[in-house]
Amino acid sequence: MSDEEGRLRSSRREGEDIASELHAAWSALHEAANAHAEVDAQAAQRRLAEVRVATELYGDEMQALQRTLERVFDGPLDLHVVLDPRIIGGVWVRVGDTVLDGSLRGHIETLRHHLNARSRVILGNGYGAVGDLPAREEDAER
């Protein structure tokens, strides 16, 4: 075999080795891209839950809240917890357009709204805001 033939065979083997390495690299890249696409698909299915609490949540509390919210919202959620002392106590949650207000502040605001509505009904009937006492003299004669 001549030197020229030897160089050609050596070059051919090097080319085959390079092709084999490129194929292996391409296969690894393809697998990594598929795995990344799968992770992206899973991440796309997860929704963001904004959670407001008055005090910090710890391990078991956070896990219990996560499980409960995922059951309520029927799917995986990424929780973004914010400490907000204005809610006084309880939990306020927003996922997309849905808000669940289990905060003490929310309950107080609801109670205030109901009391205001009730006092308008009482005043609209001609009675003062204090029990069944008449607001006008002519009502006292009834």
Protein backbone atom coordinates (compact mmCIF):
# COMPACT_ATOMS: atom_id res chain seq x y z
CA MET A 1 0.00 0.00 0.00
CA SER A 2 1.34 3.40 -0.93
CA ASP A 3 1.60 6.38 1.35
CA GLU A 4 -1.20 8.02 -0.58
CA GLU A 5 -3.56 5.07 0.01
CA GLY A 6 -2.63 5.04 3.70
CA ARG A 7 -3.42 8.72 4.03
CA LEU A 8 -6.77 8.21 2.26
CA ARG A 9 -7.73 5.33 4.56
CA SER A 10 -6.66 7.35 7.60
CA SER A 11 -8.67 10.35 6.38
CA ARG A 12 -11.69 8.10 5.72
CA ARG A 13 -11.48 6.69 9.28
CA GLU A 14 -11.18 10.20 10.70
CA GLY A 15 -14.21 11.25 8.65
CA GLU A 16 -16.18 8.25 9.90
CA ASP A 17 -15.16 9.05 13.47
CA ILE A 18 -16.22 12.67 13.06
CA ALA A 19 -19.53 11.59 11.51
CA SER A 20 -20.09 9.18 14.38
CA GLU A 21 -19.34 11.92 16.93
CA LEU A 22 -21.67 14.36 15.12
CA HIS A 23 -24.43 11.74 15.08
CA ALA A 24 -23.99 11.11 18.82
CA ALA A 25 -23.99 14.85 19.54
CA TRP A 26 -27.07 15.36 17.37
CA SER A 27 -28.87 12.51 19.14
CA ALA A 28 -27.99 13.94 22.56
CA LEU A 29 -29.14 17.41 21.47
CA HIS A 30 -32.39 15.96 20.11
CA GLU A 31 -33.06 14.11 23.40
CA ALA A 32 -32.29 17.24 25.41
CA ALA A 33 -34.63 19.31 23.22
CA ASN A 34 -37.43 16.76 23.70
CA ALA A 35 -36.89 16.75 27.47
CA HIS A 36 -36.91 20.56 27.49
CA ALA A 37 -40.11 20.64 25.44
CA GLU A 38 -41.70 18.22 27.92
CA VAL A 39 -40.67 20.44 30.85
CA ASP A 40 -42.05 23.48 29.00
CA ALA A 41 -45.33 21.67 28.39
CA GLN A 42 -45.58 20.79 32.08
CA ALA A 43 -44.72 24.36 33.04
CA ALA A 44 -47.33 25.69 30.62
CA GLN A 45 -49.96 23.56 32.37
CA ARG A 46 -49.00 25.07 35.74
CA ARG A 47 -50.77 28.29 36.64
CA LEU A 48 -49.59 31.04 38.96
CA ALA A 49 -51.41 31.48 42.25
CA GLU A 50 -50.84 34.77 44.04
CA VAL A 51 -51.27 34.05 47.73
CA ARG A 52 -51.45 36.78 50.39
CA VAL A 53 -51.04 35.89 54.05
CA ALA A 54 -50.56 37.97 57.19
CA THR A 55 -47.81 35.79 58.64
CA GLU A 56 -45.19 33.54 57.11
CA LEU A 57 -46.19 29.98 56.21
CA TYR A 58 -43.86 27.13 57.11
CA GLY A 59 -43.23 23.69 55.53
CA ASP A 60 -46.35 21.72 56.42
CA GLU A 61 -48.64 24.75 56.17
CA MET A 62 -47.29 25.60 52.72
CA GLN A 63 -47.64 22.00 51.50
CA ALA A 64 -51.20 21.75 52.85
CA LEU A 65 -52.13 25.05 51.18
CA GLN A 66 -50.54 23.89 47.90
CA ARG A 67 -52.49 20.60 47.93
CA THR A 68 -55.75 22.33 48.81
CA LEU A 69 -55.42 25.00 46.12
CA GLU A 70 -54.43 22.45 43.47
CA ARG A 71 -57.54 20.46 44.37
CA VAL A 72 -59.75 23.58 44.28
CA PHE A 73 -58.30 24.82 40.98
CA ASP A 74 -58.07 21.32 39.50
CA GLY A 75 -54.42 21.26 38.49
CA PRO A 76 -50.85 22.11 39.37
CA LEU A 77 -50.09 25.62 40.62
CA ASP A 78 -46.97 27.68 41.26
CA LEU A 79 -47.55 29.60 44.49
CA HIS A 80 -46.23 33.13 44.81
CA VAL A 81 -46.67 33.94 48.50
CA VAL A 82 -46.70 37.57 49.63
CA LEU A 83 -46.72 38.69 53.27
CA ASP A 84 -49.46 41.31 53.58
CA PRO A 85 -50.32 42.39 57.14
CA ARG A 86 -53.35 44.33 55.80
CA ILE A 87 -55.31 41.08 55.45
CA ILE A 88 -55.05 40.66 59.26
CA GLY A 89 -55.38 36.86 59.10
CA GLY A 90 -56.46 34.02 56.83
CA VAL A 91 -55.53 33.67 53.15
CA TRP A 92 -56.32 35.65 50.00
CA VAL A 93 -55.69 33.83 46.68
CA ARG A 94 -55.88 34.86 43.02
CA VAL A 95 -55.48 32.38 40.16
CA GLY A 96 -56.12 34.03 36.81
CA ASP A 97 -59.42 35.91 37.10
CA THR A 98 -60.61 33.97 40.15
CA VAL A 99 -60.16 35.41 43.65
CA LEU A 100 -60.81 33.50 46.84
CA ASP A 101 -60.90 35.83 49.82
CA GLY A 102 -60.63 33.90 53.06
CA SER A 103 -58.92 36.80 54.81
CA LEU A 104 -60.15 38.33 58.04
CA ARG A 105 -60.12 41.72 56.36
CA GLY A 106 -62.38 40.33 53.62
CA HIS A 107 -64.79 38.95 56.20
CA ILE A 108 -64.86 42.30 58.03
CA GLU A 109 -65.52 44.15 54.74
CA THR A 110 -68.36 41.72 53.91
CA LEU A 111 -69.87 42.23 57.37
CA ARG A 112 -69.56 46.02 56.99
CA HIS A 113 -71.31 45.83 53.62
CA HIS A 114 -74.17 43.74 55.05
CA LEU A 115 -74.57 46.06 58.05
CA ASN A 116 -74.66 49.11 55.77
CA ALA A 117 -77.25 47.43 53.54
CA ARG A 118 -79.33 46.43 56.59
CA SER A 119 -79.19 49.95 58.04
CA ARG A 120 -80.44 51.38 54.72
CA VAL A 121 -83.41 49.00 54.85
CA ILE A 122 -84.16 50.01 58.44
CA LEU A 123 -83.88 53.73 57.65
CA GLY A 124 -85.92 53.26 54.46
CA ASN A 125 -88.76 51.84 56.56
CA GLY A 126 -88.82 55.02 58.63
CA TYR A 127 -87.13 53.56 61.68
CA GLY A 128 -83.97 54.75 63.32
CA ALA A 129 -80.88 52.64 63.27
CA VAL A 130 -81.39 51.63 66.92
CA GLY A 131 -83.49 48.48 67.17
CA ASP A 132 -87.25 49.00 66.71
CA LEU A 133 -87.39 52.54 68.09
CA PRO A 134 -89.45 54.83 65.86
CA ALA A 135 -87.56 57.61 64.15
CA ARG A 136 -90.65 59.89 63.88
CA GLU A 137 -93.27 60.93 66.42
CA GLU A 138 -96.19 59.73 64.29
CA ASP A 139 -94.63 56.27 64.19
CA ALA A 140 -94.60 56.22 68.02
CA GLU A 141 -98.40 56.40 68.02
CA ARG A 142 -98.74 53.20 65.95
